[in-house]
């Protein structure tokens, strides 16, 4: 008998249900957590392959997870643990991201630069939603592409989905979009500073304001020297900090609008009325504030960063293990075109602001 596999939309529909979540004993969570952990470990091992290290372990984890799900299937016994990885584990990782930025970093960057980042984020998010409607892309998927492009790639996609509550296939598609176009930007940006007459600081700010993943920003910015790399890193981490208010506002918007997603099916009124607000973002902000007033030992900080990456990788592995490729293919090329247009928009818009005010 083949393993019993539950579909991703069923899992998401349960997550959107207003009833309290089912509580599983620890032993029921272990199979799924072990499976997601094994996929995450495989993703980390793949980064040792030459040329693969430029991809974040989160991206590799969702790819490996999708391969396992569609080639071998996901056993029913793993479902409780996978659901735990996609929700509590993910939220804990997002909270820990707050320890990667301090108020001093923002002050060093300069308030004009922070304003450029905020304006770029807001304009890109709204442009992507607008174009998504024009292209006929499902609203939930458009919101995820908008979050991933405007904020911080795969991390923003999965964080935004705690409010958007789109199907897992939408999450996988959005991650694929921001990975593809962020990787293209990572390769092309280092060719442009001299052509565009950008100094190291301006180039670093542009890279940090517009390239999707942190690893992609580092790879592109440091090719122009240490100053560009330093500015790019701080700019990118400042964008990551903006993840918290964006997710919170998205959750409040979903709650007030009573919007439905594919996962809602017919759209139960009670479920819409009780659309949860992602309160865990306050934990993110609290740790960011704590990191600003308390000096954390560098060795402890390195372990925290490693733990954060590990938790995010496990969460993305679980997401991949719940993704059906056939449903990804059914979405067609319009979301891919949306991701390309959003990436072009953020590159051009942020460059204009950097040229004028940076």
Protein backbone atom coordinates (compact mmCIF):
# COMPACT_ATOMS: atom_id res chain seq x y z
CA UNK A 1 0.00 0.00 0.00
CA UNK A 2 1.38 3.46 -0.87
CA UNK A 3 1.69 6.00 1.95
CA UNK A 4 -1.37 8.08 2.69
CA UNK A 5 -0.86 11.65 1.57
CA UNK A 6 -2.98 14.59 2.60
CA UNK A 7 -3.09 17.51 0.21
CA UNK A 8 -1.65 20.92 1.04
CA UNK A 9 -4.95 22.80 0.65
CA UNK A 10 -6.48 20.54 3.29
CA UNK A 11 -3.71 21.46 5.71
CA UNK A 12 -4.14 25.17 5.00
CA UNK A 13 -7.92 24.94 5.35
CA UNK A 14 -7.45 23.44 8.80
CA UNK A 15 -5.04 26.30 9.66
CA UNK A 16 -7.71 28.84 8.67
CA UNK A 17 -10.41 27.15 10.74
CA UNK A 18 -11.62 29.28 13.67
CA UNK A 19 -11.65 26.28 16.01
CA UNK A 20 -8.66 25.95 18.38
CA UNK A 21 -5.79 24.01 16.80
CA UNK A 22 -5.53 20.32 17.62
CA UNK A 23 -2.94 19.55 20.24
CA UNK A 24 -0.70 16.59 19.54
CA UNK A 25 1.55 14.81 22.04
CA UNK A 26 5.25 15.22 21.44
CA UNK A 27 5.59 11.71 20.05
CA UNK A 28 3.05 12.56 17.32
CA UNK A 29 5.15 15.55 16.23
CA UNK A 30 8.44 13.67 16.02
CA UNK A 31 7.99 11.91 12.62
CA UNK A 32 7.19 15.13 10.78
CA UNK A 33 9.85 17.16 12.58
CA UNK A 34 12.41 14.44 11.89
CA UNK A 35 11.46 14.37 8.21
CA UNK A 36 11.64 18.18 7.89
CA UNK A 37 14.91 18.17 9.83
CA UNK A 38 16.37 15.54 7.51
CA UNK A 39 15.42 17.59 4.46
CA UNK A 40 16.92 20.71 6.09
CA UNK A 41 20.15 18.79 6.76
CA UNK A 42 20.27 17.68 3.13
CA UNK A 43 19.84 21.31 2.05
CA UNK A 44 22.74 22.39 4.26
CA UNK A 45 24.89 19.58 2.84
CA UNK A 46 24.06 20.66 -0.72
CA UNK A 47 25.60 24.07 -0.01
CA UNK A 48 28.99 22.36 0.02
CA UNK A 49 28.63 21.71 -3.71
CA UNK A 50 30.63 24.29 -5.74
CA UNK A 51 28.38 27.04 -7.06
CA UNK A 52 25.46 26.13 -4.81
CA UNK A 53 26.63 28.06 -1.75
CA UNK A 54 25.20 31.31 -3.19
CA UNK A 55 21.71 29.90 -2.58
CA UNK A 56 20.34 30.14 0.94
CA UNK A 57 19.65 26.86 2.77
CA UNK A 58 15.99 27.90 2.98
CA UNK A 59 15.66 27.91 -0.80
CA UNK A 60 17.43 24.56 -1.11
CA UNK A 61 15.24 23.11 1.65
CA UNK A 62 11.99 23.91 -0.13
CA UNK A 63 13.38 22.48 -3.40
CA UNK A 64 14.49 19.23 -1.73
CA UNK A 65 11.19 19.05 0.17
CA UNK A 66 9.18 19.41 -3.05
CA UNK A 67 11.26 16.66 -4.65
CA UNK A 68 10.65 14.28 -1.74
CA UNK A 69 6.92 15.10 -1.63
CA UNK A 70 6.35 14.51 -5.34
CA UNK A 71 8.70 11.57 -5.90
CA UNK A 72 8.19 9.59 -2.70
CA UNK A 73 5.10 11.07 -1.03
CA UNK A 74 4.59 12.32 2.51
CA UNK A 75 3.37 9.77 5.10
CA UNK A 76 0.26 10.59 7.09
CA UNK A 77 2.21 10.12 10.34
CA UNK A 78 4.38 13.13 9.42
CA UNK A 79 1.48 15.58 9.08
CA UNK A 80 1.27 16.82 12.71
CA UNK A 81 5.00 17.53 12.84
CA UNK A 82 5.01 19.26 9.45
CA UNK A 83 2.14 21.49 10.55
CA UNK A 84 4.07 22.33 13.73
CA UNK A 85 7.16 23.22 11.68
CA UNK A 86 5.15 25.49 9.36
CA UNK A 87 3.58 27.44 12.20
CA UNK A 88 5.18 27.57 15.70
CA UNK A 89 8.70 26.81 14.44
CA UNK A 90 8.41 29.41 11.68
CA UNK A 91 7.09 32.06 14.05
CA UNK A 92 9.88 31.42 16.54
CA UNK A 93 12.43 31.90 13.75
CA UNK A 94 10.87 35.19 12.68
CA UNK A 95 10.98 36.44 16.28
CA UNK A 96 14.69 35.56 16.48
CA UNK A 97 15.36 37.58 13.32
CA UNK A 98 14.90 40.64 15.55
CA UNK A 99 18.32 39.97 17.08
CA UNK A 100 20.08 40.64 13.76
CA UNK A 101 19.50 44.40 13.77
CA UNK A 102 19.99 47.29 16.19
CA UNK A 103 18.92 50.91 16.25
CA UNK A 104 22.59 51.87 15.90
CA UNK A 105 22.71 50.12 12.52
CA UNK A 106 19.84 52.27 11.30
CA UNK A 107 21.44 55.46 12.62
CA UNK A 108 24.70 54.55 10.87
CA UNK A 109 22.84 54.02 7.61
CA UNK A 110 21.21 57.46 7.83
CA UNK A 111 17.58 58.45 7.94
CA UNK A 112 17.51 59.52 4.30
CA UNK A 113 18.65 56.03 3.33
CA UNK A 114 16.02 54.47 5.61
CA UNK A 115 13.42 56.66 3.92
CA UNK A 116 14.59 55.36 0.54
CA UNK A 117 14.20 51.77 1.77
CA UNK A 118 10.72 52.42 3.16
CA UNK A 119 9.53 54.22 0.03
CA UNK A 120 10.91 51.47 -2.20
CA UNK A 121 9.25 48.77 -0.10
CA UNK A 122 5.87 50.49 -0.07
CA UNK A 123 5.88 51.39 -3.76
CA UNK A 124 6.97 47.88 -4.80
CA UNK A 125 4.38 46.18 -2.62
CA UNK A 126 1.53 48.32 -3.97
CA UNK A 127 2.75 48.08 -7.58
CA UNK A 128 2.90 44.29 -7.36
CA UNK A 129 -0.63 44.06 -5.94
CA UNK A 130 -1.92 46.40 -8.67
CA UNK A 131 -0.19 44.53 -11.48
CA UNK A 132 -1.29 41.20 -10.01
CA UNK A 133 -4.91 42.29 -10.36
CA UNK A 134 -4.29 43.44 -13.94
CA UNK A 135 -2.67 40.12 -14.84
CA UNK A 136 -5.36 38.06 -13.13
CA UNK A 137 -3.00 36.53 -10.56
CA UNK A 138 -4.76 35.13 -7.48
CA UNK A 139 -4.73 37.80 -4.71
CA UNK A 140 -3.06 35.55 -2.13
CA UNK A 141 -0.23 34.65 -4.50
CA UNK A 142 0.18 38.30 -5.55
CA UNK A 143 0.52 39.31 -1.89
CA UNK A 144 3.25 36.72 -1.36
CA UNK A 145 5.20 37.80 -4.46
CA UNK A 146 4.83 41.40 -3.31
CA UNK A 147 6.20 40.57 0.16
CA UNK A 148 9.10 38.50 -1.13
CA UNK A 149 10.15 41.08 -3.70
CA UNK A 150 9.76 44.18 -1.56
CA UNK A 151 11.16 42.89 1.76
CA UNK A 152 13.46 39.89 2.05
CA UNK A 153 12.78 37.00 -0.28
CA UNK A 154 11.76 33.58 1.01
CA UNK A 155 11.64 34.66 4.68
CA UNK A 156 9.16 37.41 3.84
CA UNK A 157 7.04 35.05 1.74
CA UNK A 158 6.54 32.54 4.53
CA UNK A 159 6.12 35.27 7.16
CA UNK A 160 3.51 37.11 5.07
CA UNK A 161 1.61 33.86 4.60
CA UNK A 162 0.89 33.75 8.32
CA UNK A 163 -1.47 36.63 7.55
CA UNK A 164 -2.34 35.97 3.88
CA UNK A 165 -3.04 32.25 4.50
CA UNK A 166 -2.59 31.25 0.88
CA UNK A 167 -2.22 27.58 -0.12
CA UNK A 168 1.22 26.01 0.22
CA UNK A 169 1.55 25.84 -3.57
CA UNK A 170 1.27 29.64 -3.68
CA UNK A 171 4.07 29.88 -1.12
CA UNK A 172 6.29 27.57 -3.17
CA UNK A 173 5.57 29.49 -6.38
CA UNK A 174 6.32 32.84 -4.72
CA UNK A 175 9.57 31.49 -3.26
CA UNK A 176 10.54 30.21 -6.72
CA UNK A 177 9.84 33.66 -8.23
CA UNK A 178 11.89 35.66 -5.75
CA UNK A 179 14.70 33.10 -5.87
CA UNK A 180 14.93 33.14 -9.65
CA UNK A 181 14.85 36.90 -10.11
CA UNK A 182 16.91 37.63 -7.00
CA UNK A 183 19.60 35.31 -8.35
CA UNK A 184 19.55 37.11 -11.70
CA UNK A 185 19.94 40.44 -9.90
CA UNK A 186 22.84 39.03 -7.89
CA UNK A 187 24.67 38.18 -11.13
CA UNK A 188 23.81 41.34 -13.08
CA UNK A 189 24.20 44.07 -10.44
CA UNK A 190 28.02 43.84 -10.11
CA UNK A 191 28.28 44.63 -13.84
CA UNK A 192 26.47 47.97 -13.46
CA UNK A 193 28.23 50.33 -10.96
CA UNK A 194 30.61 51.80 -13.53
CA UNK A 195 27.92 51.96 -16.22
CA UNK A 196 25.57 53.80 -13.86
CA UNK A 197 28.38 55.87 -12.26
CA UNK A 198 27.56 54.63 -8.75
CA UNK A 199 30.07 55.02 -5.94
CA UNK A 200 30.56 52.23 -3.38
CA UNK A 201 28.03 53.62 -0.89
CA UNK A 202 25.36 54.33 -3.51
CA UNK A 203 25.83 50.90 -5.08
CA UNK A 204 25.64 49.14 -1.71
CA UNK A 205 22.49 51.04 -0.81
CA UNK A 206 20.91 50.17 -4.18
CA UNK A 207 21.78 46.49 -3.81
CA UNK A 208 20.47 46.38 -0.24
CA UNK A 209 17.28 48.20 -1.24
CA UNK A 210 16.35 46.04 -4.19
CA UNK A 211 17.89 42.53 -4.21
CA UNK A 212 15.67 39.95 -2.56
CA UNK A 213 17.66 37.55 -0.32
CA UNK A 214 20.29 38.52 2.26
CA UNK A 215 22.79 36.06 0.78
CA UNK A 216 22.18 37.51 -2.69
CA UNK A 217 22.79 41.05 -1.42
CA UNK A 218 26.06 40.03 0.23
CA UNK A 219 27.28 38.26 -2.91
CA UNK A 220 26.45 41.25 -5.14
CA UNK A 221 27.46 44.11 -2.83
CA UNK A 222 30.86 42.85 -1.66
CA UNK A 223 32.00 42.45 -5.26
CA UNK A 224 32.23 46.25 -5.32
CA UNK A 225 34.41 46.38 -2.21
CA UNK A 226 34.15 46.42 1.56
CA UNK A 227 32.33 49.75 1.85
CA UNK A 228 29.66 48.70 -0.63
CA UNK A 229 29.29 45.35 1.13
CA UNK A 230 28.94 46.97 4.55
CA UNK A 231 26.32 49.48 3.39
CA UNK A 232 24.46 46.78 1.47
CA UNK A 233 24.35 44.51 4.51
CA UNK A 234 22.94 47.19 6.83
CA UNK A 235 20.44 48.32 4.18
CA UNK A 236 19.23 44.78 3.70
CA UNK A 237 18.89 44.13 7.44
CA UNK A 238 16.92 47.37 7.72
CA UNK A 239 14.53 46.01 5.10
CA UNK A 240 14.24 42.82 7.15
CA UNK A 241 13.19 44.93 10.16
CA UNK A 242 10.34 46.33 8.06
CA UNK A 243 8.99 42.80 7.77
CA UNK A 244 7.31 43.14 11.17
CA UNK A 245 5.08 46.16 10.48
CA UNK A 246 4.23 44.90 6.98
CA UNK A 247 3.07 41.50 8.24
CA UNK A 248 1.17 43.12 11.10
CA UNK A 249 -0.59 45.55 8.76
CA UNK A 250 -1.34 42.74 6.32
CA UNK A 251 -2.91 40.72 9.13
CA UNK A 252 -5.02 43.67 10.26
CA UNK A 253 -6.08 44.35 6.66
CA UNK A 254 -7.10 40.72 6.14
CA UNK A 255 -9.04 40.75 9.42
CA UNK A 256 -10.89 43.99 8.62
CA UNK A 257 -11.60 43.20 4.98
CA UNK A 258 -12.80 39.67 5.69
CA UNK A 259 -10.93 38.56 2.55
CA UNK A 260 -10.96 34.94 1.53
CA UNK A 261 -8.28 32.80 0.03
CA UNK A 262 -8.27 29.60 -1.96
CA UNK A 263 -8.01 27.79 1.33
CA UNK A 264 -11.32 29.22 2.50
CA UNK A 265 -13.31 27.36 -0.12
CA UNK A 266 -16.78 28.84 0.00
CA UNK A 267 -15.58 31.43 2.49
CA UNK A 268 -17.02 30.69 5.90
CA UNK A 269 -18.07 34.01 7.44
CA UNK A 270 -16.98 33.05 10.94
CA UNK A 271 -13.50 32.07 9.75
CA UNK A 272 -13.12 35.36 7.94
CA UNK A 273 -14.29 37.34 10.95
CA UNK A 274 -11.68 35.63 13.10
CA UNK A 275 -8.75 36.07 10.72
CA UNK A 276 -5.86 36.11 13.22
CA UNK A 277 -3.49 39.02 13.64
CA UNK A 278 0.16 37.83 13.55
CA UNK A 279 1.01 39.00 17.08
CA UNK A 280 4.37 37.23 17.00
CA UNK A 281 5.74 40.23 15.08
CA UNK A 282 5.76 42.10 18.40
CA UNK A 283 8.26 39.51 19.59
CA UNK A 284 10.41 40.40 16.59
CA UNK A 285 10.25 44.09 17.48
CA UNK A 286 10.90 43.39 21.17
CA UNK A 287 14.08 41.44 20.41
CA UNK A 288 15.19 44.15 18.00
CA UNK A 289 14.77 46.67 20.83
CA UNK A 290 16.55 44.38 23.29
CA UNK A 291 19.43 43.97 20.87
CA UNK A 292 19.70 47.76 20.71
CA UNK A 293 20.18 48.24 24.46
CA UNK A 294 22.02 45.08 25.51
CA UNK A 295 25.36 44.02 24.07
CA UNK A 296 25.14 40.35 23.12
CA UNK A 297 28.37 38.38 23.14
CA UNK A 298 29.54 37.86 19.52
CA UNK A 299 29.84 34.10 20.02
CA UNK A 300 26.31 33.92 21.42
CA UNK A 301 25.07 36.06 18.53
CA UNK A 302 26.63 33.71 16.00
CA UNK A 303 24.82 30.77 17.60
CA UNK A 304 21.55 32.70 17.53
CA UNK A 305 21.99 33.49 13.82
CA UNK A 306 22.74 29.81 13.18
CA UNK A 307 19.66 28.74 15.14
CA UNK A 308 17.47 31.22 13.28
CA UNK A 309 18.68 29.94 9.92
CA UNK A 310 18.13 26.37 11.06
CA UNK A 311 14.55 27.00 12.20
CA UNK A 312 13.69 28.84 8.97
CA UNK A 313 15.23 26.02 6.94
CA UNK A 314 13.16 23.39 8.78
CA UNK A 315 10.00 25.46 8.22
CA UNK A 316 10.72 25.80 4.48
CA UNK A 317 11.51 22.09 4.27
CA UNK A 318 8.09 21.34 5.76
CA UNK A 319 6.51 23.73 3.27
CA UNK A 320 8.18 21.86 0.41
CA UNK A 321 7.02 18.53 1.81
CA UNK A 322 3.42 19.82 1.56
CA UNK A 323 3.69 21.16 -2.01
CA UNK A 324 2.18 19.39 -5.02
CA UNK A 325 4.06 20.24 -8.24
CA UNK A 326 0.95 19.62 -10.35
CA UNK A 327 -0.80 22.47 -8.58
CA UNK A 328 2.24 24.69 -9.14
CA UNK A 329 2.17 23.99 -12.87
CA UNK A 330 -1.56 24.70 -13.01
CA UNK A 331 -0.94 28.31 -11.98
CA UNK A 332 0.69 29.07 -15.34
CA UNK A 333 3.19 31.77 -16.26
CA UNK A 334 1.32 34.91 -15.19
CA UNK A 335 2.67 34.81 -11.59
CA UNK A 336 6.16 34.39 -13.05
CA UNK A 337 5.62 37.46 -15.22
CA UNK A 338 4.44 39.30 -12.10
CA UNK A 339 7.65 38.37 -10.28
CA UNK A 340 9.77 39.59 -13.21
CA UNK A 341 7.91 42.90 -13.43
CA UNK A 342 8.09 43.44 -9.67
CA UNK A 343 11.85 42.82 -9.69
CA UNK A 344 12.36 45.26 -12.54
CA UNK A 345 10.21 47.84 -10.78
CA UNK A 346 12.09 47.63 -7.47
CA UNK A 347 15.45 47.89 -9.29
CA UNK A 348 14.48 50.96 -11.31
CA UNK A 349 12.50 52.71 -8.57
CA UNK A 350 15.18 52.28 -5.90
CA UNK A 351 17.93 53.32 -8.32
CA UNK A 352 16.06 56.55 -9.05
CA UNK A 353 15.76 57.33 -5.34
CA UNK A 354 19.43 56.50 -4.68
CA UNK A 355 20.50 58.75 -7.57
CA UNK A 356 18.38 61.64 -6.23
CA UNK A 357 18.74 61.31 -2.45
CA UNK A 358 21.25 58.58 -1.62
